[in-house]
Every structure is written in structure tokens, then in C-alpha cells.
Amino acid sequence: DEFGGVDIMINNAGLGGEVNILEMTDDQWGKVLDITLTGTFRCVR
């Protein structure tokens, strides 16, 4: 807002990783979803 406000928002934040579904922890799942999906949602909103 200090520089005229946002007219374009480009959302690049994301987190990957490689782990078999049988070994994936709730924390691994949650961290990737929070940054990659929910983080994008927060920025869009």
C-alpha cells in the first residue's frame, strides 16, 4: 500500500519433498500442505 497498492500478486511459495506414503508423517504432510496450498490461499485472500 505504501507504493501504490497491489495490482498484481504472484504466488510462488511452495515446499516439496520425497517420502513414501507409508512412511509419511502427519508433520511432513501438514508442512507441505500449509506452505504450498494454504499459503497460496492466504495470499489469494
PDB file of all heavy atoms in Angstrom:
ATOM      1  N   ASP A   1       0.821  -1.211   0.000  1.00  0.00           N
ATOM      2  CA  ASP A   1       0.000   0.000   0.000  1.00  0.00           C
ATOM      3  C   ASP A   1       0.857   1.264   0.000  1.00  0.00           C
ATOM      4  O   ASP A   1       0.433   2.312  -0.498  1.00  0.00           O
ATOM      5  CB  ASP A   1      -0.928   0.023   1.222  1.00  0.00           C
ATOM      6  CG  ASP A   1      -2.175  -0.825   1.020  1.00  0.00           C
ATOM      7  OD1 ASP A   1      -2.489  -1.140  -0.153  1.00  0.00           O
ATOM      8  OD2 ASP A   1      -2.818  -1.178   2.019  1.00  0.00           O
ATOM      9  N   GLU A   2       2.054   1.173   0.568  1.00  0.00           N
ATOM     10  CA  GLU A   2       2.945   2.330   0.632  1.00  0.00           C
ATOM     11  C   GLU A   2       3.479   2.710  -0.748  1.00  0.00           C
ATOM     12  O   GLU A   2       3.998   3.811  -0.935  1.00  0.00           O
ATOM     13  CB  GLU A   2       4.114   2.042   1.576  1.00  0.00           C
ATOM     14  CG  GLU A   2       3.696   1.713   3.008  1.00  0.00           C
ATOM     15  CD  GLU A   2       4.873   1.331   3.869  1.00  0.00           C
ATOM     16  OE1 GLU A   2       6.018   1.660   3.483  1.00  0.00           O
ATOM     17  OE2 GLU A   2       4.658   0.702   4.932  1.00  0.00           O
ATOM     18  N   PHE A   3       3.347   1.781  -1.707  1.00  0.00           N
ATOM     19  CA  PHE A   3       3.879   2.024  -3.050  1.00  0.00           C
ATOM     20  C   PHE A   3       2.785   1.920  -4.106  1.00  0.00           C
ATOM     21  O   PHE A   3       3.001   1.438  -5.211  1.00  0.00           O
ATOM     22  CB  PHE A   3       5.015   1.047  -3.339  1.00  0.00           C
ATOM     23  CG  PHE A   3       6.023   0.968  -2.234  1.00  0.00           C
ATOM     24  CD1 PHE A   3       6.090  -0.133  -1.422  1.00  0.00           C
ATOM     25  CD2 PHE A   3       6.868   2.043  -1.988  1.00  0.00           C
ATOM     26  CE1 PHE A   3       6.998  -0.192  -0.376  1.00  0.00           C
ATOM     27  CE2 PHE A   3       7.776   1.991  -0.945  1.00  0.00           C
ATOM     28  CZ  PHE A   3       7.849   0.874  -0.142  1.00  0.00           C
ATOM     29  N   GLY A   4       1.607   2.364  -3.730  1.00  0.00           N
ATOM     30  CA  GLY A   4       0.511   2.408  -4.692  1.00  0.00           C
ATOM     31  C   GLY A   4      -0.444   1.251  -4.626  1.00  0.00           C
ATOM     32  O   GLY A   4      -1.424   1.200  -5.379  1.00  0.00           O
ATOM     33  N   GLY A   5      -0.196   0.281  -3.750  1.00  0.00           N
ATOM     34  CA  GLY A   5      -1.098  -0.853  -3.602  1.00  0.00           C
ATOM     35  C   GLY A   5      -0.783  -1.995  -4.547  1.00  0.00           C
ATOM     36  O   GLY A   5      -0.022  -1.853  -5.504  1.00  0.00           O
ATOM     37  N   VAL A   6      -1.371  -3.140  -4.268  1.00  0.00           N
ATOM     38  CA  VAL A   6      -1.122  -4.328  -5.082  1.00  0.00           C
ATOM     39  C   VAL A   6      -2.109  -4.373  -6.247  1.00  0.00           C
ATOM     40  O   VAL A   6      -3.324  -4.327  -6.054  1.00  0.00           O
ATOM     41  CB  VAL A   6      -1.207  -5.608  -4.234  1.00  0.00           C
ATOM     42  CG1 VAL A   6      -2.569  -5.760  -3.576  1.00  0.00           C
ATOM     43  CG2 VAL A   6      -0.900  -6.848  -5.077  1.00  0.00           C
ATOM     44  N   ASP A   7      -1.588  -4.444  -7.454  1.00  0.00           N
ATOM     45  CA  ASP A   7      -2.425  -4.659  -8.630  1.00  0.00           C
ATOM     46  C   ASP A   7      -2.184  -6.040  -9.213  1.00  0.00           C
ATOM     47  O   ASP A   7      -3.027  -6.600  -9.903  1.00  0.00           O
ATOM     48  CB  ASP A   7      -2.186  -3.583  -9.690  1.00  0.00           C
ATOM     49  CG  ASP A   7      -0.734  -3.498 -10.117  1.00  0.00           C
ATOM     50  OD1 ASP A   7       0.141  -4.073  -9.414  1.00  0.00           O
ATOM     51  OD2 ASP A   7      -0.450  -2.853 -11.137  1.00  0.00           O
ATOM     52  N   ILE A   8      -1.001  -6.606  -8.916  1.00  0.00           N
ATOM     53  CA  ILE A   8      -0.655  -7.962  -9.367  1.00  0.00           C
ATOM     54  C   ILE A   8      -0.035  -8.699  -8.192  1.00  0.00           C
ATOM     55  O   ILE A   8       0.872  -8.195  -7.529  1.00  0.00           O
ATOM     56  CB  ILE A   8       0.341  -7.922 -10.540  1.00  0.00           C
ATOM     57  CG1 ILE A   8      -0.285  -7.219 -11.756  1.00  0.00           C
ATOM     58  CG2 ILE A   8       0.780  -9.338 -10.921  1.00  0.00           C
ATOM     59  CD1 ILE A   8       0.709  -6.941 -12.871  1.00  0.00           C
ATOM     60  N   MET A   9      -0.523  -9.905  -7.935  1.00  0.00           N
ATOM     61  CA  MET A   9       0.023 -10.759  -6.880  1.00  0.00           C
ATOM     62  C   MET A   9       0.471 -12.066  -7.512  1.00  0.00           C
ATOM     63  O   MET A   9      -0.325 -12.760  -8.166  1.00  0.00           O
ATOM     64  CB  MET A   9      -1.046 -11.048  -5.825  1.00  0.00           C
ATOM     65  CG  MET A   9      -0.590 -11.939  -4.679  1.00  0.00           C
ATOM     66  SD  MET A   9       0.353 -10.989  -3.470  1.00  0.00           S
ATOM     67  CE  MET A   9       1.094 -12.297  -2.484  1.00  0.00           C
ATOM     68  N   ILE A  10       1.738 -12.388  -7.356  1.00  0.00           N
ATOM     69  CA  ILE A  10       2.274 -13.619  -7.934  1.00  0.00           C
ATOM     70  C   ILE A  10       2.731 -14.515  -6.791  1.00  0.00           C
ATOM     71  O   ILE A  10       3.630 -14.169  -6.027  1.00  0.00           O
ATOM     72  CB  ILE A  10       3.425 -13.325  -8.915  1.00  0.00           C
ATOM     73  CG1 ILE A  10       2.879 -12.493 -10.083  1.00  0.00           C
ATOM     74  CG2 ILE A  10       4.045 -14.625  -9.415  1.00  0.00           C
ATOM     75  CD1 ILE A  10       3.889 -12.191 -11.161  1.00  0.00           C
ATOM     76  N   ASN A  11       2.113 -15.686  -6.683  1.00  0.00           N
ATOM     77  CA  ASN A  11       2.335 -16.598  -5.560  1.00  0.00           C
ATOM     78  C   ASN A  11       3.207 -17.778  -5.972  1.00  0.00           C
ATOM     79  O   ASN A  11       2.768 -18.660  -6.706  1.00  0.00           O
ATOM     80  CB  ASN A  11       0.986 -17.098  -5.036  1.00  0.00           C
ATOM     81  CG  ASN A  11       0.126 -15.964  -4.512  1.00  0.00           C
ATOM     82  OD1 ASN A  11       0.585 -15.112  -3.761  1.00  0.00           O
ATOM     83  ND2 ASN A  11      -1.137 -15.941  -4.910  1.00  0.00           N
ATOM     84  N   ASN A  12       4.425 -17.783  -5.473  1.00  0.00           N
ATOM     85  CA  ASN A  12       5.393 -18.825  -5.823  1.00  0.00           C
ATOM     86  C   ASN A  12       5.747 -19.755  -4.673  1.00  0.00           C
ATOM     87  O   ASN A  12       6.387 -20.778  -4.887  1.00  0.00           O
ATOM     88  CB  ASN A  12       6.696 -18.197  -6.322  1.00  0.00           C
ATOM     89  CG  ASN A  12       6.581 -17.633  -7.716  1.00  0.00           C
ATOM     90  OD1 ASN A  12       6.482 -18.366  -8.686  1.00  0.00           O
ATOM     91  ND2 ASN A  12       6.583 -16.319  -7.812  1.00  0.00           N
ATOM     92  N   ALA A  13       5.396 -19.387  -3.455  1.00  0.00           N
ATOM     93  CA  ALA A  13       5.861 -20.153  -2.298  1.00  0.00           C
ATOM     94  C   ALA A  13       5.347 -21.582  -2.331  1.00  0.00           C
ATOM     95  O   ALA A  13       4.158 -21.820  -2.560  1.00  0.00           O
ATOM     96  CB  ALA A  13       5.428 -19.461  -1.009  1.00  0.00           C
ATOM     97  N   GLY A  14       6.242 -22.525  -2.108  1.00  0.00           N
ATOM     98  CA  GLY A  14       5.868 -23.927  -2.089  1.00  0.00           C
ATOM     99  C   GLY A  14       6.974 -24.763  -1.476  1.00  0.00           C
ATOM    100  O   GLY A  14       8.121 -24.323  -1.391  1.00  0.00           O
ATOM    101  N   LEU A  15       6.624 -25.950  -1.054  1.00  0.00           N
ATOM    102  CA  LEU A  15       7.596 -26.866  -0.453  1.00  0.00           C
ATOM    103  C   LEU A  15       7.310 -28.271  -0.941  1.00  0.00           C
ATOM    104  O   LEU A  15       6.151 -28.715  -0.925  1.00  0.00           O
ATOM    105  CB  LEU A  15       7.513 -26.820   1.075  1.00  0.00           C
ATOM    106  CG  LEU A  15       8.429 -27.797   1.818  1.00  0.00           C
ATOM    107  CD1 LEU A  15       9.891 -27.385   1.648  1.00  0.00           C
ATOM    108  CD2 LEU A  15       8.060 -27.868   3.291  1.00  0.00           C
ATOM    109  N   GLY A  16       8.350 -28.960  -1.391  1.00  0.00           N
ATOM    110  CA  GLY A  16       8.211 -30.338  -1.839  1.00  0.00           C
ATOM    111  C   GLY A  16       8.862 -31.301  -0.871  1.00  0.00           C
ATOM    112  O   GLY A  16       9.005 -31.040   0.320  1.00  0.00           O
ATOM    113  N   GLY A  17       9.280 -32.417  -1.392  1.00  0.00           N
ATOM    114  CA  GLY A  17       9.885 -33.465  -0.582  1.00  0.00           C
ATOM    115  C   GLY A  17       9.564 -34.809  -1.193  1.00  0.00           C
ATOM    116  O   GLY A  17       8.657 -34.925  -2.039  1.00  0.00           O
ATOM    117  N   GLU A  18      10.289 -35.826  -0.800  1.00  0.00           N
ATOM    118  CA  GLU A  18      10.079 -37.166  -1.352  1.00  0.00           C
ATOM    119  C   GLU A  18      10.009 -38.164  -0.206  1.00  0.00           C
ATOM    120  O   GLU A  18      10.981 -38.359   0.528  1.00  0.00           O
ATOM    121  CB  GLU A  18      11.191 -37.552  -2.320  1.00  0.00           C
ATOM    122  CG  GLU A  18      10.946 -38.885  -3.015  1.00  0.00           C
ATOM    123  CD  GLU A  18      11.991 -39.212  -4.069  1.00  0.00           C
ATOM    124  OE1 GLU A  18      12.878 -38.370  -4.299  1.00  0.00           O
ATOM    125  OE2 GLU A  18      11.908 -40.300  -4.656  1.00  0.00           O
ATOM    126  N   VAL A  19       8.847 -38.772  -0.038  1.00  0.00           N
ATOM    127  CA  VAL A  19       8.679 -39.788   1.008  1.00  0.00           C
ATOM    128  C   VAL A  19       7.509 -40.698   0.641  1.00  0.00           C
ATOM    129  O   VAL A  19       6.474 -40.238   0.158  1.00  0.00           O
ATOM    130  CB  VAL A  19       8.451 -39.124   2.395  1.00  0.00           C
ATOM    131  CG1 VAL A  19       7.235 -38.213   2.378  1.00  0.00           C
ATOM    132  CG2 VAL A  19       8.349 -40.159   3.490  1.00  0.00           C
ATOM    133  N   ASN A  20       7.697 -41.970   0.836  1.00  0.00           N
ATOM    134  CA  ASN A  20       6.648 -42.950   0.556  1.00  0.00           C
ATOM    135  C   ASN A  20       5.447 -42.704   1.453  1.00  0.00           C
ATOM    136  O   ASN A  20       5.595 -42.353   2.626  1.00  0.00           O
ATOM    137  CB  ASN A  20       7.206 -44.355   0.776  1.00  0.00           C
ATOM    138  CG  ASN A  20       6.231 -45.440   0.367  1.00  0.00           C
ATOM    139  OD1 ASN A  20       5.284 -45.751   1.090  1.00  0.00           O
ATOM    140  ND2 ASN A  20       6.458 -46.026  -0.808  1.00  0.00           N
ATOM    141  N   ILE A  21       4.256 -42.883   0.918  1.00  0.00           N
ATOM    142  CA  ILE A  21       3.030 -42.610   1.669  1.00  0.00           C
ATOM    143  C   ILE A  21       2.963 -43.424   2.956  1.00  0.00           C
ATOM    144  O   ILE A  21       2.400 -42.970   3.967  1.00  0.00           O
ATOM    145  CB  ILE A  21       1.785 -42.865   0.783  1.00  0.00           C
ATOM    146  CG1 ILE A  21       0.512 -42.346   1.468  1.00  0.00           C
ATOM    147  CG2 ILE A  21       1.657 -44.350   0.446  1.00  0.00           C
ATOM    148  CD1 ILE A  21       0.447 -40.860   1.589  1.00  0.00           C
ATOM    149  N   LEU A  22       3.548 -44.635   2.985  1.00  0.00           N
ATOM    150  CA  LEU A  22       3.504 -45.466   4.185  1.00  0.00           C
ATOM    151  C   LEU A  22       4.414 -44.946   5.280  1.00  0.00           C
ATOM    152  O   LEU A  22       4.223 -45.280   6.460  1.00  0.00           O
ATOM    153  CB  LEU A  22       3.878 -46.912   3.835  1.00  0.00           C
ATOM    154  CG  LEU A  22       2.969 -47.618   2.832  1.00  0.00           C
ATOM    155  CD1 LEU A  22       3.460 -49.042   2.583  1.00  0.00           C
ATOM    156  CD2 LEU A  22       1.528 -47.635   3.318  1.00  0.00           C
ATOM    157  N   GLU A  23       5.388 -44.139   4.897  1.00  0.00           N
ATOM    158  CA  GLU A  23       6.339 -43.603   5.861  1.00  0.00           C
ATOM    159  C   GLU A  23       6.108 -42.117   6.150  1.00  0.00           C
ATOM    160  O   GLU A  23       6.750 -41.534   7.013  1.00  0.00           O
ATOM    161  CB  GLU A  23       7.765 -43.800   5.327  1.00  0.00           C
ATOM    162  CG  GLU A  23       8.107 -45.262   5.082  1.00  0.00           C
ATOM    163  CD  GLU A  23       9.387 -45.426   4.277  1.00  0.00           C
ATOM    164  OE1 GLU A  23       9.988 -44.398   3.899  1.00  0.00           O
ATOM    165  OE2 GLU A  23       9.779 -46.576   4.028  1.00  0.00           O
ATOM    166  N   MET A  24       5.180 -41.497   5.436  1.00  0.00           N
ATOM    167  CA  MET A  24       4.921 -40.070   5.578  1.00  0.00           C
ATOM    168  C   MET A  24       4.280 -39.771   6.926  1.00  0.00           C
ATOM    169  O   MET A  24       3.290 -40.401   7.304  1.00  0.00           O
ATOM    170  CB  MET A  24       4.026 -39.589   4.440  1.00  0.00           C
ATOM    171  CG  MET A  24       3.850 -38.086   4.348  1.00  0.00           C
ATOM    172  SD  MET A  24       2.822 -37.648   2.916  1.00  0.00           S
ATOM    173  CE  MET A  24       3.860 -38.191   1.551  1.00  0.00           C
ATOM    174  N   THR A  25       4.826 -38.818   7.647  1.00  0.00           N
ATOM    175  CA  THR A  25       4.277 -38.439   8.934  1.00  0.00           C
ATOM    176  C   THR A  25       3.237 -37.330   8.770  1.00  0.00           C
ATOM    177  O   THR A  25       3.199 -36.644   7.743  1.00  0.00           O
ATOM    178  CB  THR A  25       5.378 -37.942   9.875  1.00  0.00           C
ATOM    179  OG1 THR A  25       5.926 -36.723   9.343  1.00  0.00           O
ATOM    180  CG2 THR A  25       6.480 -38.986  10.022  1.00  0.00           C
ATOM    181  N   ASP A  26       2.438 -37.144   9.797  1.00  0.00           N
ATOM    182  CA  ASP A  26       1.483 -36.040   9.779  1.00  0.00           C
ATOM    183  C   ASP A  26       2.204 -34.704   9.635  1.00  0.00           C
ATOM    184  O   ASP A  26       1.716 -33.798   8.956  1.00  0.00           O
ATOM    185  CB  ASP A  26       0.660 -36.025  11.076  1.00  0.00           C
ATOM    186  CG  ASP A  26      -0.441 -37.074  11.093  1.00  0.00           C
ATOM    187  OD1 ASP A  26      -0.466 -37.930  10.190  1.00  0.00           O
ATOM    188  OD2 ASP A  26      -1.264 -37.040  12.030  1.00  0.00           O
ATOM    189  N   ASP A  27       3.355 -34.586  10.267  1.00  0.00           N
ATOM    190  CA  ASP A  27       4.106 -33.329  10.201  1.00  0.00           C
ATOM    191  C   ASP A  27       4.606 -33.069   8.784  1.00  0.00           C
ATOM    192  O   ASP A  27       4.532 -31.936   8.297  1.00  0.00           O
ATOM    193  CB  ASP A  27       5.293 -33.373  11.175  1.00  0.00           C
ATOM    194  CG  ASP A  27       6.065 -32.070  11.186  1.00  0.00           C
ATOM    195  OD1 ASP A  27       5.488 -31.041  11.585  1.00  0.00           O
ATOM    196  OD2 ASP A  27       7.253 -32.070  10.783  1.00  0.00           O
ATOM    197  N   GLN A  28       5.128 -34.100   8.112  1.00  0.00           N
ATOM    198  CA  GLN A  28       5.585 -33.935   6.727  1.00  0.00           C
ATOM    199  C   GLN A  28       4.433 -33.548   5.810  1.00  0.00           C
ATOM    200  O   GLN A  28       4.556 -32.647   4.977  1.00  0.00           O
ATOM    201  CB  GLN A  28       6.251 -35.230   6.242  1.00  0.00           C
ATOM    202  CG  GLN A  28       7.598 -35.504   6.881  1.00  0.00           C
ATOM    203  CD  GLN A  28       8.118 -36.889   6.531  1.00  0.00           C
ATOM    204  OE1 GLN A  28       7.379 -37.870   6.530  1.00  0.00           O
ATOM    205  NE2 GLN A  28       9.403 -36.966   6.232  1.00  0.00           N
ATOM    206  N   TRP A  29       3.314 -34.241   5.953  1.00  0.00           N
ATOM    207  CA  TRP A  29       2.125 -33.925   5.159  1.00  0.00           C
ATOM    208  C   TRP A  29       1.668 -32.498   5.447  1.00  0.00           C
ATOM    209  O   TRP A  29       1.447 -31.706   4.530  1.00  0.00           O
ATOM    210  CB  TRP A  29       1.015 -34.921   5.485  1.00  0.00           C
ATOM    211  CG  TRP A  29      -0.310 -34.586   4.881  1.00  0.00           C
ATOM    212  CD1 TRP A  29      -1.290 -33.796   5.438  1.00  0.00           C
ATOM    213  CD2 TRP A  29      -0.817 -35.009   3.609  1.00  0.00           C
ATOM    214  NE1 TRP A  29      -2.378 -33.707   4.597  1.00  0.00           N
ATOM    215  CE2 TRP A  29      -2.109 -34.446   3.468  1.00  0.00           C
ATOM    216  CE3 TRP A  29      -0.319 -35.816   2.590  1.00  0.00           C
ATOM    217  CZ2 TRP A  29      -2.902 -34.659   2.349  1.00  0.00           C
ATOM    218  CZ3 TRP A  29      -1.112 -36.040   1.471  1.00  0.00           C
ATOM    219  CH2 TRP A  29      -2.379 -35.468   1.348  1.00  0.00           C
ATOM    220  N   GLY A  30       1.521 -32.166   6.709  1.00  0.00           N
ATOM    221  CA  GLY A  30       0.982 -30.876   7.099  1.00  0.00           C
ATOM    222  C   GLY A  30       1.849 -29.706   6.683  1.00  0.00           C
ATOM    223  O   GLY A  30       1.335 -28.659   6.261  1.00  0.00           O
ATOM    224  N   LYS A  31       3.170 -29.862   6.772  1.00  0.00           N
ATOM    225  CA  LYS A  31       4.073 -28.763   6.426  1.00  0.00           C
ATOM    226  C   LYS A  31       3.996 -28.431   4.940  1.00  0.00           C
ATOM    227  O   LYS A  31       3.936 -27.260   4.549  1.00  0.00           O
ATOM    228  CB  LYS A  31       5.512 -29.116   6.813  1.00  0.00           C
ATOM    229  CG  LYS A  31       6.485 -27.955   6.662  1.00  0.00           C
ATOM    230  CD  LYS A  31       7.845 -28.313   7.210  1.00  0.00           C
ATOM    231  CE  LYS A  31       8.800 -27.122   7.127  1.00  0.00           C
ATOM    232  NZ  LYS A  31      10.146 -27.470   7.674  1.00  0.00           N
ATOM    233  N   VAL A  32       3.994 -29.467   4.101  1.00  0.00           N
ATOM    234  CA  VAL A  32       3.904 -29.244   2.654  1.00  0.00           C
ATOM    235  C   VAL A  32       2.566 -28.611   2.286  1.00  0.00           C
ATOM    236  O   VAL A  32       2.505 -27.665   1.493  1.00  0.00           O
ATOM    237  CB  VAL A  32       4.119 -30.568   1.885  1.00  0.00           C
ATOM    238  CG1 VAL A  32       3.763 -30.402   0.411  1.00  0.00           C
ATOM    239  CG2 VAL A  32       5.563 -31.030   2.028  1.00  0.00           C
ATOM    240  N   LEU A  33       1.490 -29.110   2.865  1.00  0.00           N
ATOM    241  CA  LEU A  33       0.166 -28.542   2.575  1.00  0.00           C
ATOM    242  C   LEU A  33       0.048 -27.110   3.086  1.00  0.00           C
ATOM    243  O   LEU A  33      -0.547 -26.261   2.414  1.00  0.00           O
ATOM    244  CB  LEU A  33      -0.937 -29.409   3.187  1.00  0.00           C
ATOM    245  CG  LEU A  33      -1.550 -30.529   2.343  1.00  0.00           C
ATOM    246  CD1 LEU A  33      -2.423 -29.960   1.251  1.00  0.00           C
ATOM    247  CD2 LEU A  33      -0.491 -31.465   1.762  1.00  0.00           C
ATOM    248  N   ASP A  34       0.613 -26.827   4.246  1.00  0.00           N
ATOM    249  CA  ASP A  34       0.481 -25.494   4.832  1.00  0.00           C
ATOM    250  C   ASP A  34       1.201 -24.438   4.004  1.00  0.00           C
ATOM    251  O   ASP A  34       0.674 -23.348   3.772  1.00  0.00           O
ATOM    252  CB  ASP A  34       1.023 -25.493   6.265  1.00  0.00           C
ATOM    253  CG  ASP A  34       0.612 -24.250   7.048  1.00  0.00           C
ATOM    254  OD1 ASP A  34      -0.385 -23.593   6.665  1.00  0.00           O
ATOM    255  OD2 ASP A  34       1.283 -23.939   8.047  1.00  0.00           O
ATOM    256  N   ILE A  35       2.394 -24.765   3.542  1.00  0.00           N
ATOM    257  CA  ILE A  35       3.148 -23.792   2.743  1.00  0.00           C
ATOM    258  C   ILE A  35       2.583 -23.719   1.317  1.00  0.00           C
ATOM    259  O   ILE A  35       2.287 -22.634   0.807  1.00  0.00           O
ATOM    260  CB  ILE A  35       4.639 -24.176   2.703  1.00  0.00           C
ATOM    261  CG1 ILE A  35       5.261 -24.024   4.090  1.00  0.00           C
ATOM    262  CG2 ILE A  35       5.391 -23.305   1.682  1.00  0.00           C
ATOM    263  CD1 ILE A  35       6.694 -24.521   4.194  1.00  0.00           C
ATOM    264  N   THR A  36       2.418 -24.858   0.690  1.00  0.00           N
ATOM    265  CA  THR A  36       2.118 -24.897  -0.742  1.00  0.00           C
ATOM    266  C   THR A  36       0.670 -24.552  -1.069  1.00  0.00           C
ATOM    267  O   THR A  36       0.410 -23.773  -2.000  1.00  0.00           O
ATOM    268  CB  THR A  36       2.470 -26.285  -1.303  1.00  0.00           C
ATOM    269  OG1 THR A  36       3.822 -26.600  -0.952  1.00  0.00           O
ATOM    270  CG2 THR A  36       2.323 -26.321  -2.809  1.00  0.00           C
ATOM    271  N   LEU A  37      -0.259 -25.108  -0.327  1.00  0.00           N
ATOM    272  CA  LEU A  37      -1.678 -24.878  -0.609  1.00  0.00           C
ATOM    273  C   LEU A  37      -2.277 -23.788   0.273  1.00  0.00           C
ATOM    274  O   LEU A  37      -2.792 -22.787  -0.221  1.00  0.00           O
ATOM    275  CB  LEU A  37      -2.471 -26.174  -0.456  1.00  0.00           C
ATOM    276  CG  LEU A  37      -3.991 -26.058  -0.618  1.00  0.00           C
ATOM    277  CD1 LEU A  37      -4.359 -25.425  -1.955  1.00  0.00           C
ATOM    278  CD2 LEU A  37      -4.650 -27.422  -0.454  1.00  0.00           C
ATOM    279  N   THR A  38      -2.193 -23.968   1.585  1.00  0.00           N
ATOM    280  CA  THR A  38      -2.811 -22.984   2.473  1.00  0.00           C
ATOM    281  C   THR A  38      -2.088 -21.649   2.389  1.00  0.00           C
ATOM    282  O   THR A  38      -2.726 -20.585   2.481  1.00  0.00           O
ATOM    283  CB  THR A  38      -2.841 -23.499   3.926  1.00  0.00           C
ATOM    284  OG1 THR A  38      -3.370 -24.823   3.946  1.00  0.00           O
ATOM    285  CG2 THR A  38      -3.706 -22.604   4.798  1.00  0.00           C
ATOM    286  N   GLY A  39      -0.781 -21.667   2.174  1.00  0.00           N
ATOM    287  CA  GLY A  39      -0.041 -20.419   1.994  1.00  0.00           C
ATOM    288  C   GLY A  39      -0.513 -19.663   0.766  1.00  0.00           C
ATOM    289  O   GLY A  39      -0.663 -18.436   0.795  1.00  0.00           O
ATOM    290  N   THR A  40      -0.773 -20.396  -0.310  1.00  0.00           N
ATOM    291  CA  THR A  40      -1.300 -19.761  -1.518  1.00  0.00           C
ATOM    292  C   THR A  40      -2.686 -19.192  -1.250  1.00  0.00           C
ATOM    293  O   THR A  40      -3.014 -18.079  -1.677  1.00  0.00           O
ATOM    294  CB  THR A  40      -1.341 -20.766  -2.684  1.00  0.00           C
ATOM    295  OG1 THR A  40      -0.019 -21.260  -2.921  1.00  0.00           O
ATOM    296  CG2 THR A  40      -1.860 -20.111  -3.962  1.00  0.00           C
ATOM    297  N   PHE A  41      -3.509 -19.952  -0.532  1.00  0.00           N
ATOM    298  CA  PHE A  41      -4.838 -19.463  -0.153  1.00  0.00           C
ATOM    299  C   PHE A  41      -4.744 -18.160   0.639  1.00  0.00           C
ATOM    300  O   PHE A  41      -5.474 -17.195   0.370  1.00  0.00           O
ATOM    301  CB  PHE A  41      -5.566 -20.529   0.665  1.00  0.00           C
ATOM    302  CG  PHE A  41      -6.591 -19.983   1.614  1.00  0.00           C
ATOM    303  CD1 PHE A  41      -7.779 -19.419   1.151  1.00  0.00           C
ATOM    304  CD2 PHE A  41      -6.363 -20.019   2.986  1.00  0.00           C
ATOM    305  CE1 PHE A  41      -8.718 -18.899   2.040  1.00  0.00           C
ATOM    306  CE2 PHE A  41      -7.295 -19.504   3.873  1.00  0.00           C
ATOM    307  CZ  PHE A  41      -8.476 -18.937   3.403  1.00  0.00           C
ATOM    308  N   ARG A  42      -3.842 -18.116   1.628  1.00  0.00           N
ATOM    309  CA  ARG A  42      -3.705 -16.899   2.432  1.00  0.00           C
ATOM    310  C   ARG A  42      -3.351 -15.701   1.558  1.00  0.00           C
ATOM    311  O   ARG A  42      -3.851 -14.593   1.767  1.00  0.00           O
ATOM    312  CB  ARG A  42      -2.641 -17.107   3.504  1.00  0.00           C
ATOM    313  CG  ARG A  42      -2.999 -18.113   4.594  1.00  0.00           C
ATOM    314  CD  ARG A  42      -1.947 -18.150   5.689  1.00  0.00           C
ATOM    315  NE  ARG A  42      -2.257 -19.220   6.639  1.00  0.00           N
ATOM    316  CZ  ARG A  42      -1.648 -20.416   6.650  1.00  0.00           C
ATOM    317  NH1 ARG A  42      -0.691 -20.674   5.773  1.00  0.00           N
ATOM    318  NH2 ARG A  42      -1.986 -21.332   7.534  1.00  0.00           N
ATOM    319  N   CYS A  43      -2.478 -15.922   0.591  1.00  0.00           N
ATOM    320  CA  CYS A  43      -2.040 -14.827  -0.280  1.00  0.00           C
ATOM    321  C   CYS A  43      -3.153 -14.389  -1.229  1.00  0.00           C
ATOM    322  O   CYS A  43      -3.330 -13.198  -1.483  1.00  0.00           O
ATOM    323  CB  CYS A  43      -0.803 -15.248  -1.066  1.00  0.00           C
ATOM    324  SG  CYS A  43       0.682 -15.433  -0.037  1.00  0.00           S
ATOM    325  N   VAL A  44      -3.904 -15.360  -1.761  1.00  0.00           N
ATOM    326  CA  VAL A  44      -5.031 -15.018  -2.635  1.00  0.00           C
ATOM    327  C   VAL A  44      -6.067 -14.221  -1.855  1.00  0.00           C
ATOM    328  O   VAL A  44      -6.577 -13.196  -2.321  1.00  0.00           O
ATOM    329  CB  VAL A  44      -5.668 -16.295  -3.234  1.00  0.00           C
ATOM    330  CG1 VAL A  44      -6.979 -15.964  -3.947  1.00  0.00           C
ATOM    331  CG2 VAL A  44      -4.697 -16.968  -4.202  1.00  0.00           C
ATOM    332  N   ARG A  45      -6.383 -14.679  -0.658  1.00  0.00           N
ATOM    333  CA  ARG A  45      -7.370 -13.983   0.167  1.00  0.00           C
ATOM    334  C   ARG A  45      -6.916 -12.567   0.502  1.00  0.00           C
ATOM    335  O   ARG A  45      -7.686 -11.604   0.365  1.00  0.00           O
ATOM    336  CB  ARG A  45      -7.612 -14.769   1.457  1.00  0.00           C
ATOM    337  CG  ARG A  45      -8.616 -14.109   2.411  1.00  0.00           C
ATOM    338  CD  ARG A  45      -8.817 -14.957   3.651  1.00  0.00           C
ATOM    339  NE  ARG A  45      -7.569 -15.153   4.388  1.00  0.00           N
ATOM    340  CZ  ARG A  45      -7.442 -15.973   5.432  1.00  0.00           C
ATOM    341  NH1 ARG A  45      -8.483 -16.689   5.844  1.00  0.00           N
ATOM    342  NH2 ARG A  45      -6.281 -16.100   6.058  1.00  0.00           N
TER     343      ARG A  45
END
